[in-house]
Structures are given as C-alpha cells and as structure tokens.
Amino acid sequence: MEPAAVFRIGRDGIDLFVRLTPKSELDRLEGAETSADGRSHLKARVRAVPENGAANKALEKLVARALGVPASSVSVIVGGTARLKTLRVLGDPATLVESIKALERRP
C-alpha cells in the first residue's frame, strides 16, 4: 500500500500537511514521514518560538522559499496552535506537486 500524500490538490493550489518543531537550531524541511495513524506530512523545523504566531510565520516563509512562491501565497489554515498544520499554497497545482515531491525525498 502506498503511503498517504503530504498534500491535497485544490482548484487554485494545494493544501500541504506539515509537522512543525519550533525552537530548533536551523530553519529547514526534513522530508516526509508517516505518523502512527497513517497520515503523512512534511517535517519542518524553525528557530522561531511558538508565541504570537512567530513560528507559523517562519514556517510560511520557509515553505514559500522551498517551493519558489511568494511568501504571501502560503498561509496556515488549520492547526495554528498545534504541531500538525495544514498550509494553503496558492499557485499552479502541477508545478507545486513536483516541487513537493522533491522535498519529500530529502533525508
């Protein structure tokens, strides 16, 4: 059985599933993982602290940079105060899917 995707394709972009770890040494994306319940997500780390939305903003910027889209095209839509988040990324879905697949393969 193939693992679940870390994204869902929408009409004007994609919804990306991410597990965020704040207060890390570096801002980085660490590839995909599957949780015990079978859901897949990208692992992300940011230096920002989880106060006043700072970690979410850092995550939005990190994902935008990694996918080559403007920061204004990425927003946290679910999980604002949780580790597991859903980000909406606006843009051409086919192009975004290719970029995300490259990120999933990162070690």
PDB file of N, CA and C in Angstrom:
ATOM      1  N   MET A   1       0.842  -1.188   0.000  1.00  0.00           N
ATOM      2  CA  MET A   1       0.000   0.000   0.000  1.00  0.00           C
ATOM      3  C   MET A   1       0.885   1.248   0.000  1.00  0.00           C
ATOM      4  N   GLU A   2       0.562   2.197  -0.839  1.00  0.00           N
ATOM      5  CA  GLU A   2       1.337   3.428  -0.951  1.00  0.00           C
ATOM      6  C   GLU A   2       1.013   4.361   0.217  1.00  0.00           C
ATOM      7  N   PRO A   3       2.031   5.065   0.771  1.00  0.00           N
ATOM      8  CA  PRO A   3       1.757   5.981   1.880  1.00  0.00           C
ATOM      9  C   PRO A   3       0.869   7.143   1.435  1.00  0.00           C
ATOM     10  N   ALA A   4       0.180   7.717   2.389  1.00  0.00           N
ATOM     11  CA  ALA A   4      -0.684   8.862   2.102  1.00  0.00           C
ATOM     12  C   ALA A   4       0.156  10.048   1.641  1.00  0.00           C
ATOM     13  N   ALA A   5      -0.439  10.888   0.829  1.00  0.00           N
ATOM     14  CA  ALA A   5       0.262  12.061   0.317  1.00  0.00           C
ATOM     15  C   ALA A   5       0.374  13.130   1.407  1.00  0.00           C
ATOM     16  N   VAL A   6       1.403  13.969   1.300  1.00  0.00           N
ATOM     17  CA  VAL A   6       1.593  15.060   2.249  1.00  0.00           C
ATOM     18  C   VAL A   6       0.858  16.315   1.785  1.00  0.00           C
ATOM     19  N   PHE A   7       0.063  16.179   0.725  1.00  0.00           N
ATOM     20  CA  PHE A   7      -0.671  17.323   0.193  1.00  0.00           C
ATOM     21  C   PHE A   7      -2.007  16.869  -0.377  1.00  0.00           C
ATOM     22  N   ARG A   8      -2.888  17.848  -0.578  1.00  0.00           N
ATOM     23  CA  ARG A   8      -4.178  17.635  -1.244  1.00  0.00           C
ATOM     24  C   ARG A   8      -4.280  18.717  -2.310  1.00  0.00           C
ATOM     25  N   ILE A   9      -4.605  18.332  -3.517  1.00  0.00           N
ATOM     26  CA  ILE A   9      -4.691  19.285  -4.628  1.00  0.00           C
ATOM     27  C   ILE A   9      -6.022  20.012  -4.576  1.00  0.00           C
ATOM     28  N   GLY A  10      -5.948  21.335  -4.737  1.00  0.00           N
ATOM     29  CA  GLY A  10      -7.140  22.161  -4.777  1.00  0.00           C
ATOM     30  C   GLY A  10      -7.262  22.855  -6.122  1.00  0.00           C
ATOM     31  N   ARG A  11      -8.273  23.669  -6.269  1.00  0.00           N
ATOM     32  CA  ARG A  11      -8.538  24.363  -7.526  1.00  0.00           C
ATOM     33  C   ARG A  11      -7.464  25.408  -7.832  1.00  0.00           C
ATOM     34  N   ASP A  12      -7.004  26.114  -6.796  1.00  0.00           N
ATOM     35  CA  ASP A  12      -6.073  27.215  -7.018  1.00  0.00           C
ATOM     36  C   ASP A  12      -4.722  27.004  -6.337  1.00  0.00           C
ATOM     37  N   GLY A  13      -4.416  25.738  -6.002  1.00  0.00           N
ATOM     38  CA  GLY A  13      -3.149  25.440  -5.346  1.00  0.00           C
ATOM     39  C   GLY A  13      -3.220  24.100  -4.643  1.00  0.00           C
ATOM     40  N   ILE A  14      -2.535  24.006  -3.525  1.00  0.00           N
ATOM     41  CA  ILE A  14      -2.523  22.759  -2.756  1.00  0.00           C
ATOM     42  C   ILE A  14      -2.642  23.059  -1.268  1.00  0.00           C
ATOM     43  N   ASP A  15      -3.077  22.050  -0.525  1.00  0.00           N
ATOM     44  CA  ASP A  15      -3.027  22.089   0.932  1.00  0.00           C
ATOM     45  C   ASP A  15      -1.904  21.143   1.326  1.00  0.00           C
ATOM     46  N   LEU A  16      -0.951  21.637   2.095  1.00  0.00           N
ATOM     47  CA  LEU A  16       0.241  20.892   2.471  1.00  0.00           C
ATOM     48  C   LEU A  16       0.166  20.553   3.961  1.00  0.00           C
ATOM     49  N   PHE A  17       0.416  19.297   4.302  1.00  0.00           N
ATOM     50  CA  PHE A  17       0.364  18.839   5.690  1.00  0.00           C
ATOM     51  C   PHE A  17       1.781  18.824   6.256  1.00  0.00           C
ATOM     52  N   VAL A  18       1.966  19.501   7.391  1.00  0.00           N
ATOM     53  CA  VAL A  18       3.297  19.703   7.961  1.00  0.00           C
ATOM     54  C   VAL A  18       3.270  19.437   9.467  1.00  0.00           C
ATOM     55  N   ARG A  19       4.342  18.835   9.964  1.00  0.00           N
ATOM     56  CA  ARG A  19       4.548  18.710  11.413  1.00  0.00           C
ATOM     57  C   ARG A  19       5.677  19.667  11.771  1.00  0.00           C
ATOM     58  N   LEU A  20       5.380  20.674  12.568  1.00  0.00           N
ATOM     59  CA  LEU A  20       6.325  21.737  12.880  1.00  0.00           C
ATOM     60  C   LEU A  20       6.959  21.547  14.253  1.00  0.00           C
ATOM     61  N   THR A  21       8.280  21.706  14.293  1.00  0.00           N
ATOM     62  CA  THR A  21       9.023  21.736  15.552  1.00  0.00           C
ATOM     63  C   THR A  21       9.644  23.131  15.677  1.00  0.00           C
ATOM     64  N   PRO A  22       9.153  23.954  16.601  1.00  0.00           N
ATOM     65  CA  PRO A  22       9.731  25.282  16.806  1.00  0.00           C
ATOM     66  C   PRO A  22      10.972  25.213  17.694  1.00  0.00           C
ATOM     67  N   LYS A  23      11.629  26.347  17.867  1.00  0.00           N
ATOM     68  CA  LYS A  23      12.816  26.489  18.730  1.00  0.00           C
ATOM     69  C   LYS A  23      13.941  25.526  18.342  1.00  0.00           C
ATOM     70  N   SER A  24      14.157  25.335  17.053  1.00  0.00           N
ATOM     71  CA  SER A  24      15.228  24.471  16.564  1.00  0.00           C
ATOM     72  C   SER A  24      16.478  25.294  16.284  1.00  0.00           C
ATOM     73  N   GLU A  25      17.566  24.613  15.988  1.00  0.00           N
ATOM     74  CA  GLU A  25      18.815  25.309  15.667  1.00  0.00           C
ATOM     75  C   GLU A  25      18.782  25.944  14.288  1.00  0.00           C
ATOM     76  N   LEU A  26      18.053  25.314  13.355  1.00  0.00           N
ATOM     77  CA  LEU A  26      18.006  25.777  11.973  1.00  0.00           C
ATOM     78  C   LEU A  26      16.576  25.797  11.470  1.00  0.00           C
ATOM     79  N   ASP A  27      16.336  26.623  10.434  1.00  0.00           N
ATOM     80  CA  ASP A  27      15.076  26.572   9.700  1.00  0.00           C
ATOM     81  C   ASP A  27      15.295  25.593   8.560  1.00  0.00           C
ATOM     82  N   ARG A  28      14.526  24.487   8.537  1.00  0.00           N
ATOM     83  CA  ARG A  28      14.699  23.530   7.446  1.00  0.00           C
ATOM     84  C   ARG A  28      13.518  22.574   7.342  1.00  0.00           C
ATOM     85  N   LEU A  29      13.369  22.037   6.121  1.00  0.00           N
ATOM     86  CA  LEU A  29      12.401  20.976   5.860  1.00  0.00           C
ATOM     87  C   LEU A  29      13.178  19.673   5.817  1.00  0.00           C
ATOM     88  N   GLU A  30      12.624  18.624   6.428  1.00  0.00           N
ATOM     89  CA  GLU A  30      13.371  17.380   6.590  1.00  0.00           C
ATOM     90  C   GLU A  30      12.736  16.182   5.911  1.00  0.00           C
ATOM     91  N   GLY A  31      11.956  16.376   4.878  1.00  0.00           N
ATOM     92  CA  GLY A  31      11.356  15.245   4.182  1.00  0.00           C
ATOM     93  C   GLY A  31      10.040  14.823   4.801  1.00  0.00           C
ATOM     94  N   ALA A  32       9.503  13.733   4.281  1.00  0.00           N
ATOM     95  CA  ALA A  32       8.185  13.258   4.696  1.00  0.00           C
ATOM     96  C   ALA A  32       8.290  12.149   5.730  1.00  0.00           C
ATOM     97  N   GLU A  33       7.246  12.033   6.546  1.00  0.00           N
ATOM     98  CA  GLU A  33       7.131  10.917   7.472  1.00  0.00           C
ATOM     99  C   GLU A  33       5.651  10.568   7.620  1.00  0.00           C
ATOM    100  N   THR A  34       5.404   9.351   8.047  1.00  0.00           N
ATOM    101  CA  THR A  34       4.037   8.894   8.259  1.00  0.00           C
ATOM    102  C   THR A  34       3.846   8.639   9.747  1.00  0.00           C
ATOM    103  N   SER A  35       2.789   9.187  10.312  1.00  0.00           N
ATOM    104  CA  SER A  35       2.520   9.019  11.743  1.00  0.00           C
ATOM    105  C   SER A  35       1.828   7.676  11.979  1.00  0.00           C
ATOM    106  N   ALA A  36       1.668   7.319  13.229  1.00  0.00           N
ATOM    107  CA  ALA A  36       1.083   6.035  13.610  1.00  0.00           C
ATOM    108  C   ALA A  36      -0.336   5.857  13.062  1.00  0.00           C
ATOM    109  N   ASP A  37      -1.058   6.962  12.879  1.00  0.00           N
ATOM    110  CA  ASP A  37      -2.434   6.858  12.371  1.00  0.00           C
ATOM    111  C   ASP A  37      -2.492   6.771  10.842  1.00  0.00           C
ATOM    112  N   GLY A  38      -1.321   6.728  10.189  1.00  0.00           N
ATOM    113  CA  GLY A  38      -1.277   6.570   8.741  1.00  0.00           C
ATOM    114  C   GLY A  38      -1.258   7.853   7.945  1.00  0.00           C
ATOM    115  N   ARG A  39      -1.346   8.999   8.617  1.00  0.00           N
ATOM    116  CA  ARG A  39      -1.296  10.282   7.901  1.00  0.00           C
ATOM    117  C   ARG A  39       0.150  10.676   7.637  1.00  0.00           C
ATOM    118  N   SER A  40       0.393  11.223   6.461  1.00  0.00           N
ATOM    119  CA  SER A  40       1.740  11.665   6.097  1.00  0.00           C
ATOM    120  C   SER A  40       1.834  13.178   6.166  1.00  0.00           C
ATOM    121  N   HIS A  41       3.049  13.655   6.431  1.00  0.00           N
ATOM    122  CA  HIS A  41       3.292  15.094   6.497  1.00  0.00           C
ATOM    123  C   HIS A  41       4.776  15.356   6.281  1.00  0.00           C
ATOM    124  N   LEU A  42       5.084  16.590   5.904  1.00  0.00           N
ATOM    125  CA  LEU A  42       6.475  17.022   5.836  1.00  0.00           C
ATOM    126  C   LEU A  42       6.915  17.409   7.239  1.00  0.00           C
ATOM    127  N   LYS A  43       8.147  17.109   7.570  1.00  0.00           N
ATOM    128  CA  LYS A  43       8.705  17.547   8.854  1.00  0.00           C
ATOM    129  C   LYS A  43       9.392  18.888   8.627  1.00  0.00           C
ATOM    130  N   ALA A  44       9.124  19.836   9.500  1.00  0.00           N
ATOM    131  CA  ALA A  44       9.727  21.159   9.389  1.00  0.00           C
ATOM    132  C   ALA A  44      10.230  21.603  10.754  1.00  0.00           C
ATOM    133  N   ARG A  45      11.340  22.336  10.729  1.00  0.00           N
ATOM    134  CA  ARG A  45      11.906  22.924  11.944  1.00  0.00           C
ATOM    135  C   ARG A  45      12.145  24.411  11.683  1.00  0.00           C
ATOM    136  N   VAL A  46      11.826  25.220  12.681  1.00  0.00           N
ATOM    137  CA  VAL A  46      12.104  26.657  12.596  1.00  0.00           C
ATOM    138  C   VAL A  46      12.734  27.117  13.899  1.00  0.00           C
ATOM    139  N   ARG A  47      13.526  28.177  13.816  1.00  0.00           N
ATOM    140  CA  ARG A  47      14.175  28.735  15.008  1.00  0.00           C
ATOM    141  C   ARG A  47      13.205  29.531  15.858  1.00  0.00           C
ATOM    142  N   ALA A  48      12.157  30.040  15.253  1.00  0.00           N
ATOM    143  CA  ALA A  48      11.209  30.903  15.956  1.00  0.00           C
ATOM    144  C   ALA A  48      10.507  30.156  17.088  1.00  0.00           C
ATOM    145  N   VAL A  49      10.083  30.928  18.085  1.00  0.00           N
ATOM    146  CA  VAL A  49       9.343  30.367  19.214  1.00  0.00           C
ATOM    147  C   VAL A  49       7.847  30.373  18.878  1.00  0.00           C
ATOM    148  N   PRO A  50       7.084  29.477  19.512  1.00  0.00           N
ATOM    149  CA  PRO A  50       5.650  29.408  19.221  1.00  0.00           C
ATOM    150  C   PRO A  50       4.839  30.436  20.009  1.00  0.00           C
ATOM    151  N   GLU A  51       5.195  31.690  19.868  1.00  0.00           N
ATOM    152  CA  GLU A  51       4.480  32.759  20.561  1.00  0.00           C
ATOM    153  C   GLU A  51       4.037  33.813  19.566  1.00  0.00           C
ATOM    154  N   ASN A  52       2.810  34.257  19.696  1.00  0.00           N
ATOM    155  CA  ASN A  52       2.253  35.309  18.849  1.00  0.00           C
ATOM    156  C   ASN A  52       2.357  34.980  17.357  1.00  0.00           C
ATOM    157  N   GLY A  53       2.293  33.703  17.006  1.00  0.00           N
ATOM    158  CA  GLY A  53       2.317  33.302  15.605  1.00  0.00           C
ATOM    159  C   GLY A  53       3.679  33.350  14.938  1.00  0.00           C
ATOM    160  N   ALA A  54       4.747  33.572  15.711  1.00  0.00           N
ATOM    161  CA  ALA A  54       6.090  33.702  15.125  1.00  0.00           C
ATOM    162  C   ALA A  54       6.529  32.428  14.422  1.00  0.00           C
ATOM    163  N   ALA A  55       6.284  31.271  15.022  1.00  0.00           N
ATOM    164  CA  ALA A  55       6.693  30.006  14.404  1.00  0.00           C
ATOM    165  C   ALA A  55       5.896  29.752  13.121  1.00  0.00           C
ATOM    166  N   ASN A  56       4.616  30.091  13.131  1.00  0.00           N
ATOM    167  CA  ASN A  56       3.803  29.911  11.919  1.00  0.00           C
ATOM    168  C   ASN A  56       4.306  30.798  10.790  1.00  0.00           C
ATOM    169  N   LYS A  57       4.627  32.045  11.097  1.00  0.00           N
ATOM    170  CA  LYS A  57       5.149  32.961  10.070  1.00  0.00           C
ATOM    171  C   LYS A  57       6.473  32.448   9.516  1.00  0.00           C
ATOM    172  N   ALA A  58       7.333  31.948  10.389  1.00  0.00           N
ATOM    173  CA  ALA A  58       8.623  31.401   9.941  1.00  0.00           C
ATOM    174  C   ALA A  58       8.394  30.184   9.049  1.00  0.00           C
ATOM    175  N   LEU A  59       7.419  29.348   9.398  1.00  0.00           N
ATOM    176  CA  LEU A  59       7.095  28.182   8.583  1.00  0.00           C
ATOM    177  C   LEU A  59       6.581  28.605   7.214  1.00  0.00           C
ATOM    178  N   GLU A  60       5.703  29.587   7.179  1.00  0.00           N
ATOM    179  CA  GLU A  60       5.172  30.069   5.897  1.00  0.00           C
ATOM    180  C   GLU A  60       6.303  30.559   4.992  1.00  0.00           C
ATOM    181  N   LYS A  61       7.229  31.319   5.549  1.00  0.00           N
ATOM    182  CA  LYS A  61       8.364  31.818   4.762  1.00  0.00           C
ATOM    183  C   LYS A  61       9.258  30.682   4.281  1.00  0.00           C
ATOM    184  N   LEU A  62       9.517  29.703   5.155  1.00  0.00           N
ATOM    185  CA  LEU A  62      10.358  28.558   4.809  1.00  0.00           C
ATOM    186  C   LEU A  62       9.748  27.765   3.657  1.00  0.00           C
ATOM    187  N   VAL A  63       8.466  27.479   3.745  1.00  0.00           N
ATOM    188  CA  VAL A  63       7.789  26.706   2.692  1.00  0.00           C
ATOM    189  C   VAL A  63       7.745  27.500   1.389  1.00  0.00           C
ATOM    190  N   ALA A  64       7.473  28.792   1.474  1.00  0.00           N
ATOM    191  CA  ALA A  64       7.435  29.618   0.266  1.00  0.00           C
ATOM    192  C   ALA A  64       8.782  29.600  -0.440  1.00  0.00           C
ATOM    193  N   ARG A  65       9.850  29.748   0.321  1.00  0.00           N
ATOM    194  CA  ARG A  65      11.198  29.738  -0.254  1.00  0.00           C
ATOM    195  C   ARG A  65      11.496  28.384  -0.898  1.00  0.00           C
ATOM    196  N   ALA A  66      11.136  27.304  -0.214  1.00  0.00           N
ATOM    197  CA  ALA A  66      11.411  25.953  -0.720  1.00  0.00           C
ATOM    198  C   ALA A  66      10.628  25.640  -1.991  1.00  0.00           C
ATOM    199  N   LEU A  67       9.421  26.182  -2.098  1.00  0.00           N
ATOM    200  CA  LEU A  67       8.581  25.907  -3.267  1.00  0.00           C
ATOM    201  C   LEU A  67       8.711  26.960  -4.358  1.00  0.00           C
ATOM    202  N   GLY A  68       9.441  28.032  -4.085  1.00  0.00           N
ATOM    203  CA  GLY A  68       9.643  29.078  -5.089  1.00  0.00           C
ATOM    204  C   GLY A  68       8.411  29.911  -5.372  1.00  0.00           C
ATOM    205  N   VAL A  69       7.628  30.163  -4.328  1.00  0.00           N
ATOM    206  CA  VAL A  69       6.443  31.006  -4.463  1.00  0.00           C
ATOM    207  C   VAL A  69       6.578  32.205  -3.521  1.00  0.00           C
ATOM    208  N   PRO A  70       5.837  33.284  -3.769  1.00  0.00           N
ATOM    209  CA  PRO A  70       5.886  34.425  -2.845  1.00  0.00           C
ATOM    210  C   PRO A  70       5.382  34.029  -1.456  1.00  0.00           C
ATOM    211  N   ALA A  71       5.936  34.634  -0.423  1.00  0.00           N
ATOM    212  CA  ALA A  71       5.518  34.343   0.952  1.00  0.00           C
ATOM    213  C   ALA A  71       4.021  34.586   1.143  1.00  0.00           C
ATOM    214  N   SER A  72       3.473  35.541   0.413  1.00  0.00           N
ATOM    215  CA  SER A  72       2.046  35.848   0.532  1.00  0.00           C
ATOM    216  C   SER A  72       1.160  34.728  -0.021  1.00  0.00           C
ATOM    217  N   SER A  73       1.750  33.764  -0.730  1.00  0.00           N
ATOM    218  CA  SER A  73       0.993  32.642  -1.298  1.00  0.00           C
ATOM    219  C   SER A  73       0.846  31.472  -0.334  1.00  0.00           C
ATOM    220  N   VAL A  74       1.481  31.565   0.837  1.00  0.00           N
ATOM    221  CA  VAL A  74       1.467  30.459   1.799  1.00  0.00           C
ATOM    222  C   VAL A  74       0.835  30.937   3.098  1.00  0.00           C
ATOM    223  N   SER A  75      -0.134  30.164   3.601  1.00  0.00           N
ATOM    224  CA  SER A  75      -0.745  30.527   4.878  1.00  0.00           C
ATOM    225  C   SER A  75      -1.181  29.277   5.636  1.00  0.00           C
ATOM    226  N   VAL A  76      -1.064  29.350   6.965  1.00  0.00           N
ATOM    227  CA  VAL A  76      -1.538  28.274   7.833  1.00  0.00           C
ATOM    228  C   VAL A  76      -3.051  28.398   7.900  1.00  0.00           C
ATOM    229  N   ILE A  77      -3.761  27.325   7.498  1.00  0.00           N
ATOM    230  CA  ILE A  77      -5.231  27.379   7.512  1.00  0.00           C
ATOM    231  C   ILE A  77      -5.837  26.476   8.582  1.00  0.00           C
ATOM    232  N   VAL A  78      -5.070  25.485   9.063  1.00  0.00           N
ATOM    233  CA  VAL A  78      -5.534  24.589  10.130  1.00  0.00           C
ATOM    234  C   VAL A  78      -4.358  24.322  11.061  1.00  0.00           C
ATOM    235  N   GLY A  79      -4.624  24.318  12.363  1.00  0.00           N
ATOM    236  CA  GLY A  79      -3.594  23.947  13.324  1.00  0.00           C
ATOM    237  C   GLY A  79      -2.708  25.084  13.770  1.00  0.00           C
ATOM    238  N   GLY A  80      -3.249  26.276  13.840  1.00  0.00           N
ATOM    239  CA  GLY A  80      -2.460  27.439  14.219  1.00  0.00           C
ATOM    240  C   GLY A  80      -1.697  27.284  15.528  1.00  0.00           C
ATOM    241  N   THR A  81      -2.243  26.537  16.475  1.00  0.00           N
ATOM    242  CA  THR A  81      -1.566  26.358  17.760  1.00  0.00           C
ATOM    243  C   THR A  81      -1.130  24.912  17.985  1.00  0.00           C
ATOM    244  N   ALA A  82      -1.217  24.081  16.958  1.00  0.00           N
ATOM    245  CA  ALA A  82      -0.848  22.663  17.073  1.00  0.00           C
ATOM    246  C   ALA A  82       0.438  22.388  16.299  1.00  0.00           C
ATOM    247  N   ARG A  83       1.054  21.247  16.573  1.00  0.00           N
ATOM    248  CA  ARG A  83       2.250  20.854  15.819  1.00  0.00           C
ATOM    249  C   ARG A  83       1.903  20.441  14.394  1.00  0.00           C
ATOM    250  N   LEU A  84       0.776  19.725  14.224  1.00  0.00           N
ATOM    251  CA  LEU A  84       0.341  19.312  12.897  1.00  0.00           C
ATOM    252  C   LEU A  84      -0.478  20.431  12.280  1.00  0.00           C
ATOM    253  N   LYS A  85      -0.040  20.877  11.124  1.00  0.00           N
ATOM    254  CA  LYS A  85      -0.657  22.037  10.482  1.00  0.00           C
ATOM    255  C   LYS A  85      -1.010  21.719   9.036  1.00  0.00           C
ATOM    256  N   THR A  86      -1.969  22.456   8.521  1.00  0.00           N
ATOM    257  CA  THR A  86      -2.280  22.421   7.101  1.00  0.00           C
ATOM    258  C   THR A  86      -2.005  23.816   6.566  1.00  0.00           C
ATOM    259  N   LEU A  87      -1.166  23.879   5.531  1.00  0.00           N
ATOM    260  CA  LEU A  87      -0.841  25.143   4.893  1.00  0.00           C
ATOM    261  C   LEU A  87      -1.489  25.191   3.522  1.00  0.00           C
ATOM    262  N   ARG A  88      -2.075  26.311   3.160  1.00  0.00           N
ATOM    263  CA  ARG A  88      -2.601  26.523   1.814  1.00  0.00           C
ATOM    264  C   ARG A  88      -1.500  27.217   1.021  1.00  0.00           C
ATOM    265  N   VAL A  89      -1.160  26.630  -0.116  1.00  0.00           N
ATOM    266  CA  VAL A  89      -0.152  27.206  -1.006  1.00  0.00           C
ATOM    267  C   VAL A  89      -0.841  27.506  -2.325  1.00  0.00           C
ATOM    268  N   LEU A  90      -0.912  28.787  -2.670  1.00  0.00           N
ATOM    269  CA  LEU A  90      -1.550  29.194  -3.919  1.00  0.00           C
ATOM    270  C   LEU A  90      -0.553  29.131  -5.064  1.00  0.00           C
ATOM    271  N   GLY A  91      -1.016  28.670  -6.214  1.00  0.00           N
ATOM    272  CA  GLY A  91      -0.170  28.575  -7.394  1.00  0.00           C
ATOM    273  C   GLY A  91      -0.644  27.447  -8.283  1.00  0.00           C
ATOM    274  N   ASP A  92       0.120  27.158  -9.328  1.00  0.00           N
ATOM    275  CA  ASP A  92      -0.218  26.089 -10.255  1.00  0.00           C
ATOM    276  C   ASP A  92      -0.053  24.742  -9.546  1.00  0.00           C
ATOM    277  N   PRO A  93      -1.134  23.982  -9.377  1.00  0.00           N
ATOM    278  CA  PRO A  93      -1.039  22.725  -8.634  1.00  0.00           C
ATOM    279  C   PRO A  93       0.003  21.754  -9.195  1.00  0.00           C
ATOM    280  N   ALA A  94       0.094  21.619 -10.508  1.00  0.00           N
ATOM    281  CA  ALA A  94       1.046  20.663 -11.096  1.00  0.00           C
ATOM    282  C   ALA A  94       2.488  21.031 -10.750  1.00  0.00           C
ATOM    283  N   THR A  95       2.820  22.311 -10.834  1.00  0.00           N
ATOM    284  CA  THR A  95       4.164  22.768 -10.509  1.00  0.00           C
ATOM    285  C   THR A  95       4.458  22.571  -9.023  1.00  0.00           C
ATOM    286  N   LEU A  96       3.485  22.888  -8.180  1.00  0.00           N
ATOM    287  CA  LEU A  96       3.660  22.734  -6.737  1.00  0.00           C
ATOM    288  C   LEU A  96       3.845  21.270  -6.350  1.00  0.00           C
ATOM    289  N   VAL A  97       3.089  20.373  -6.986  1.00  0.00           N
ATOM    290  CA  VAL A  97       3.215  18.943  -6.684  1.00  0.00           C
ATOM    291  C   VAL A  97       4.624  18.451  -6.997  1.00  0.00           C
ATOM    292  N   GLU A  98       5.185  18.864  -8.126  1.00  0.00           N
ATOM    293  CA  GLU A  98       6.549  18.452  -8.479  1.00  0.00           C
ATOM    294  C   GLU A  98       7.557  18.963  -7.442  1.00  0.00           C
ATOM    295  N   SER A  99       7.389  20.202  -7.009  1.00  0.00           N
ATOM    296  CA  SER A  99       8.294  20.773  -6.002  1.00  0.00           C
ATOM    297  C   SER A  99       8.169  20.031  -4.676  1.00  0.00           C
ATOM    298  N   ILE A 100       6.960  19.680  -4.300  1.00  0.00           N
ATOM    299  CA  ILE A 100       6.745  18.976  -3.036  1.00  0.00           C
ATOM    300  C   ILE A 100       7.318  17.563  -3.100  1.00  0.00           C
ATOM    301  N   LYS A 101       7.165  16.895  -4.207  1.00  0.00           N
ATOM    302  CA  LYS A 101       7.725  15.548  -4.337  1.00  0.00           C
ATOM    303  C   LYS A 101       9.239  15.574  -4.165  1.00  0.00           C
ATOM    304  N   ALA A 102       9.884  16.625  -4.652  1.00  0.00           N
ATOM    305  CA  ALA A 102      11.342  16.765  -4.457  1.00  0.00           C
ATOM    306  C   ALA A 102      11.640  16.964  -2.962  1.00  0.00           C
ATOM    307  N   LEU A 103      10.818  17.726  -2.254  1.00  0.00           N
ATOM    308  CA  LEU A 103      11.027  17.938  -0.822  1.00  0.00           C
ATOM    309  C   LEU A 103      10.820  16.659  -0.021  1.00  0.00           C
ATOM    310  N   GLU A 104       9.862  15.839  -0.431  1.00  0.00           N
ATOM    311  CA  GLU A 104       9.580  14.589   0.284  1.00  0.00           C
ATOM    312  C   GLU A 104      10.780  13.652   0.276  1.00  0.00           C
ATOM    313  N   ARG A 105      11.579  13.726  -0.760  1.00  0.00           N
ATOM    314  CA  ARG A 105      12.711  12.812  -0.888  1.00  0.00           C
ATOM    315  C   ARG A 105      13.925  13.263  -0.092  1.00  0.00           C
ATOM    316  N   ARG A 106      13.869  14.460   0.476  1.00  0.00           N
ATOM    317  CA  ARG A 106      15.003  14.942   1.266  1.00  0.00           C
ATOM    318  C   ARG A 106      15.218  14.040   2.475  1.00  0.00           C
ATOM    319  N   PRO A 107      16.496  13.815   2.835  1.00  0.00           N
ATOM    320  CA  PRO A 107      16.771  12.990   4.028  1.00  0.00           C
ATOM    321  C   PRO A 107      16.400  13.705   5.309  1.00  0.00           C
TER     322      PRO A 107
END
